[in-house]
Amino acid sequence: MDSAQVKPEQLSSHKYLTAPNAFTLVRLCCIPLFLWMLFGRDNVAGAAFLLGGLGATDWVDGWLARHFNQTSEFGKMFDPTADRLLFIVAITGILIKGIPPLWFFWLVIAREVIVGGTIAIATLAFKMKRFDVTWWGKTATFLLMFAIPGFMIGHSDFTAHKAFLIAAWILAIPGLALSYYTGLAYAPTIRASVKAGRGGAGNERG
């Protein structure tokens, strides 16, 4: 077959082995590297830049899915799951390392565990239908994904670390407030999705 005639959706016929899922997997595999840099090399700034890079490339898998027409239900689940895992592992490592402000990181991880746990239970136990993250939720994640490495660099010996610390605070406060606001705003959506999921399950059994 002439390569010029290959359509984007023909680049991968497998529902799992797609370009966006492969990119998400690469980002997920960077978690051990982050932990190694943070603890094995004691390179806080290096780990922070890696984390910032992973946050900055969060949009790439979505772009690949649209560009190559490889959007899938698995990808829609895999991408946010990988992001949440990266988020939780990174913050847990930061807490163990004792990087301030600890109260901020505890609040961030508490929100992730509560909201993520609620969604996981609702999905697995109550057959909740999947729903998309709101624009405000994406904005909160964006702010936090840059505030967190900013705090790390701000408490390292990296050049201009004070500027990173100031920028981190500017992003952290609205990011944290938005994350809790969206967490509460998801409650009605979760209830409605659980109800819809139960209805669909009942129809299938009937």
Protein backbone atom coordinates (compact mmCIF):
# COMPACT_ATOMS: atom_id res chain seq x y z
CA MET A 1 0.00 0.00 0.00
CA ASP A 2 1.28 3.45 -0.91
CA SER A 3 2.20 5.30 2.32
CA ALA A 4 0.68 8.47 0.90
CA GLN A 5 -2.69 6.74 0.81
CA VAL A 6 -2.63 5.60 4.44
CA LYS A 7 -5.37 7.28 6.43
CA PRO A 8 -4.67 8.52 10.00
CA GLU A 9 -7.10 6.01 11.51
CA GLN A 10 -5.17 3.18 9.78
CA LEU A 11 -1.94 3.96 11.61
CA SER A 12 -3.07 1.63 14.39
CA SER A 13 -5.92 -0.80 14.19
CA HIS A 14 -5.53 -1.89 17.81
CA LYS A 15 -7.76 -0.16 20.32
CA TYR A 16 -4.97 -0.11 22.94
CA LEU A 17 -1.76 0.26 20.94
CA THR A 18 -2.39 3.75 19.63
CA ALA A 19 -0.19 6.82 19.41
CA PRO A 20 -1.96 8.75 22.23
CA ASN A 21 -1.99 5.72 24.54
CA ALA A 22 1.71 5.11 23.85
CA PHE A 23 2.49 8.72 24.74
CA THR A 24 0.45 8.44 27.94
CA LEU A 25 2.39 5.26 28.80
CA VAL A 26 5.70 7.08 28.29
CA ARG A 27 4.58 9.85 30.65
CA LEU A 28 3.49 7.21 33.16
CA CYS A 29 6.89 5.50 32.95
CA CYS A 30 8.52 8.79 33.99
CA ILE A 31 7.19 8.35 37.55
CA PRO A 32 10.11 6.08 38.63
CA LEU A 33 12.53 8.57 37.04
CA PHE A 34 10.97 11.38 39.06
CA LEU A 35 11.30 9.41 42.29
CA TRP A 36 14.89 8.45 41.47
CA MET A 37 15.85 12.07 40.86
CA LEU A 38 14.07 13.20 44.02
CA PHE A 39 15.42 10.54 46.39
CA GLY A 40 18.23 8.68 44.62
CA ARG A 41 20.01 11.76 43.29
CA ASP A 42 18.60 14.25 45.81
CA ASN A 43 18.08 16.56 42.85
CA VAL A 44 14.95 18.47 43.82
CA ALA A 45 15.23 21.02 41.01
CA GLY A 46 15.77 18.31 38.38
CA ALA A 47 12.77 16.35 39.62
CA ALA A 48 10.72 19.55 39.60
CA PHE A 49 11.61 20.35 35.98
CA LEU A 50 10.69 16.79 34.98
CA LEU A 51 7.36 17.12 36.76
CA GLY A 52 6.75 20.48 35.10
CA GLY A 53 7.55 18.97 31.71
CA LEU A 54 5.10 16.13 32.29
CA GLY A 55 2.44 18.66 33.23
CA ALA A 56 3.19 20.82 30.19
CA THR A 57 2.80 17.85 27.83
CA ASP A 58 -0.55 16.75 29.27
CA TRP A 59 -2.34 18.02 26.14
CA VAL A 60 -0.23 16.03 23.66
CA ASP A 61 -2.03 12.69 23.98
CA GLY A 62 -5.38 14.39 23.39
CA TRP A 63 -3.98 16.14 20.32
CA LEU A 64 -2.60 12.85 18.99
CA ALA A 65 -5.95 11.16 19.51
CA ARG A 66 -7.75 13.85 17.51
CA HIS A 67 -5.07 14.24 14.85
CA PHE A 68 -4.83 10.51 14.07
CA ASN A 69 -8.51 9.82 14.73
CA GLN A 70 -7.59 7.39 17.52
CA THR A 71 -9.99 8.51 20.23
CA SER A 72 -11.15 5.53 22.30
CA GLU A 73 -13.02 4.82 25.51
CA PHE A 74 -9.89 3.17 26.91
CA GLY A 75 -7.83 6.27 26.11
CA LYS A 76 -10.40 8.53 27.76
CA MET A 77 -10.00 6.44 30.92
CA PHE A 78 -6.25 5.76 30.67
CA ASP A 79 -5.13 9.39 30.28
CA PRO A 80 -6.84 10.89 33.37
CA THR A 81 -5.96 7.79 35.42
CA ALA A 82 -2.29 8.20 34.52
CA ASP A 83 -2.46 11.92 35.30
CA ARG A 84 -4.03 11.28 38.70
CA LEU A 85 -1.48 8.57 39.51
CA LEU A 86 1.37 10.89 38.52
CA PHE A 87 -0.16 13.65 40.62
CA ILE A 88 -0.59 11.50 43.75
CA VAL A 89 2.80 9.78 43.54
CA ALA A 90 4.59 13.09 42.98
CA ILE A 91 2.92 14.81 45.93
CA THR A 92 3.46 11.77 48.17
CA GLY A 93 7.15 11.89 47.31
CA ILE A 94 7.23 15.62 48.07
CA LEU A 95 5.58 15.05 51.44
CA ILE A 96 8.07 12.31 52.32
CA LYS A 97 10.89 14.61 51.27
CA GLY A 98 9.45 17.30 53.54
CA ILE A 99 9.36 20.11 50.98
CA PRO A 100 7.27 23.07 52.22
CA PRO A 101 4.54 24.22 52.35
CA LEU A 102 3.41 20.83 53.68
CA TRP A 103 -0.11 22.04 54.48
CA PHE A 104 -0.62 22.91 50.82
CA PHE A 105 0.49 19.50 49.60
CA TRP A 106 -1.67 17.75 52.21
CA LEU A 107 -4.73 19.69 51.02
CA VAL A 108 -3.97 18.86 47.39
CA ILE A 109 -3.55 15.14 47.99
CA ALA A 110 -6.61 15.01 50.27
CA ARG A 111 -8.76 16.47 47.49
CA GLU A 112 -7.32 14.02 44.94
CA VAL A 113 -7.92 11.01 47.18
CA ILE A 114 -11.48 12.05 48.11
CA VAL A 115 -12.63 13.01 44.62
CA GLY A 116 -10.67 10.29 42.82
CA GLY A 117 -11.79 7.65 45.31
CA THR A 118 -15.43 8.71 45.04
CA ILE A 119 -15.32 8.53 41.23
CA ALA A 120 -13.57 5.15 41.30
CA ILE A 121 -16.11 3.66 43.73
CA ALA A 122 -19.03 5.12 41.81
CA THR A 123 -17.65 3.74 38.55
CA LEU A 124 -16.77 0.26 39.77
CA ALA A 125 -19.52 -0.38 42.30
CA PHE A 126 -22.43 1.63 40.91
CA LYS A 127 -21.69 1.51 37.15
CA MET A 128 -21.42 5.28 36.93
CA LYS A 129 -21.27 6.60 33.41
CA ARG A 130 -18.15 8.52 32.53
CA PHE A 131 -18.37 12.32 32.41
CA ASP A 132 -15.93 14.91 31.08
CA VAL A 133 -13.84 17.16 33.30
CA THR A 134 -15.07 20.75 33.32
CA TRP A 135 -13.06 23.69 32.02
CA TRP A 136 -12.61 24.92 35.59
CA GLY A 137 -11.34 21.50 36.63
CA LYS A 138 -8.77 21.53 33.83
CA THR A 139 -7.73 25.05 34.82
CA ALA A 140 -7.24 24.01 38.45
CA THR A 141 -5.10 21.05 37.40
CA PHE A 142 -3.06 23.27 35.07
CA LEU A 143 -2.35 25.78 37.84
CA LEU A 144 -1.41 23.11 40.36
CA MET A 145 0.79 21.19 37.93
CA PHE A 146 3.00 24.28 37.65
CA ALA A 147 2.66 25.51 41.23
CA ILE A 148 3.91 22.20 42.67
CA PRO A 149 7.24 22.10 40.79
CA GLY A 150 7.51 25.83 41.45
CA PHE A 151 7.48 25.18 45.19
CA MET A 152 10.07 22.45 44.71
CA ILE A 153 12.42 24.73 42.79
CA GLY A 154 11.67 27.56 45.21
CA HIS A 155 13.04 25.49 48.08
CA SER A 156 16.11 24.27 46.22
CA ASP A 157 19.48 25.85 45.49
CA PHE A 158 18.54 26.50 41.87
CA THR A 159 19.35 29.95 40.47
CA ALA A 160 16.46 32.41 40.85
CA HIS A 161 14.68 30.01 43.18
CA LYS A 162 12.96 32.95 44.92
CA ALA A 163 11.27 33.96 41.66
CA PHE A 164 9.97 30.40 41.24
CA LEU A 165 8.65 30.47 44.81
CA ILE A 166 6.73 33.71 44.20
CA ALA A 167 5.29 32.36 40.96
CA ALA A 168 4.30 29.16 42.75
CA TRP A 169 2.26 31.06 45.34
CA ILE A 170 0.56 33.09 42.60
CA LEU A 171 -0.57 29.87 40.92
CA ALA A 172 -1.15 27.77 44.04
CA ILE A 173 -3.86 29.74 45.83
CA PRO A 174 -6.34 30.04 42.93
CA GLY A 175 -5.45 26.51 41.79
CA LEU A 176 -6.21 25.01 45.20
CA ALA A 177 -9.43 27.01 45.57
CA LEU A 178 -10.63 25.97 42.10
CA SER A 179 -9.77 22.33 42.73
CA TYR A 180 -11.98 22.20 45.83
CA TYR A 181 -14.72 24.19 44.12
CA THR A 182 -14.81 21.79 41.16
CA GLY A 183 -14.69 18.82 43.53
CA LEU A 184 -17.88 20.03 45.20
CA ALA A 185 -19.40 20.95 41.82
CA TYR A 186 -18.88 17.38 40.59
CA ALA A 187 -21.19 15.99 43.31
CA PRO A 188 -24.50 16.55 41.41
CA THR A 189 -22.90 15.21 38.22
CA ILE A 190 -21.69 12.09 40.01
CA ARG A 191 -25.15 11.48 41.50
CA ALA A 192 -26.80 11.89 38.09
CA SER A 193 -24.21 9.66 36.41
CA VAL A 194 -24.64 6.95 39.05
CA LYS A 195 -28.40 7.09 38.58
CA ALA A 196 -28.01 6.83 34.81
CA GLY A 197 -25.57 3.95 35.20
CA ARG A 198 -27.95 2.06 37.46
CA GLY A 199 -30.77 2.62 35.00
CA GLY A 200 -28.69 1.28 32.15
CA ALA A 201 -27.63 -1.77 34.18
CA GLY A 202 -31.23 -2.46 35.08
CA ASN A 203 -32.29 -2.30 31.45
CA GLU A 204 -29.54 -4.72 30.46
CA ARG A 205 -30.63 -7.25 33.09
CA GLY A 206 -34.24 -6.82 32.07
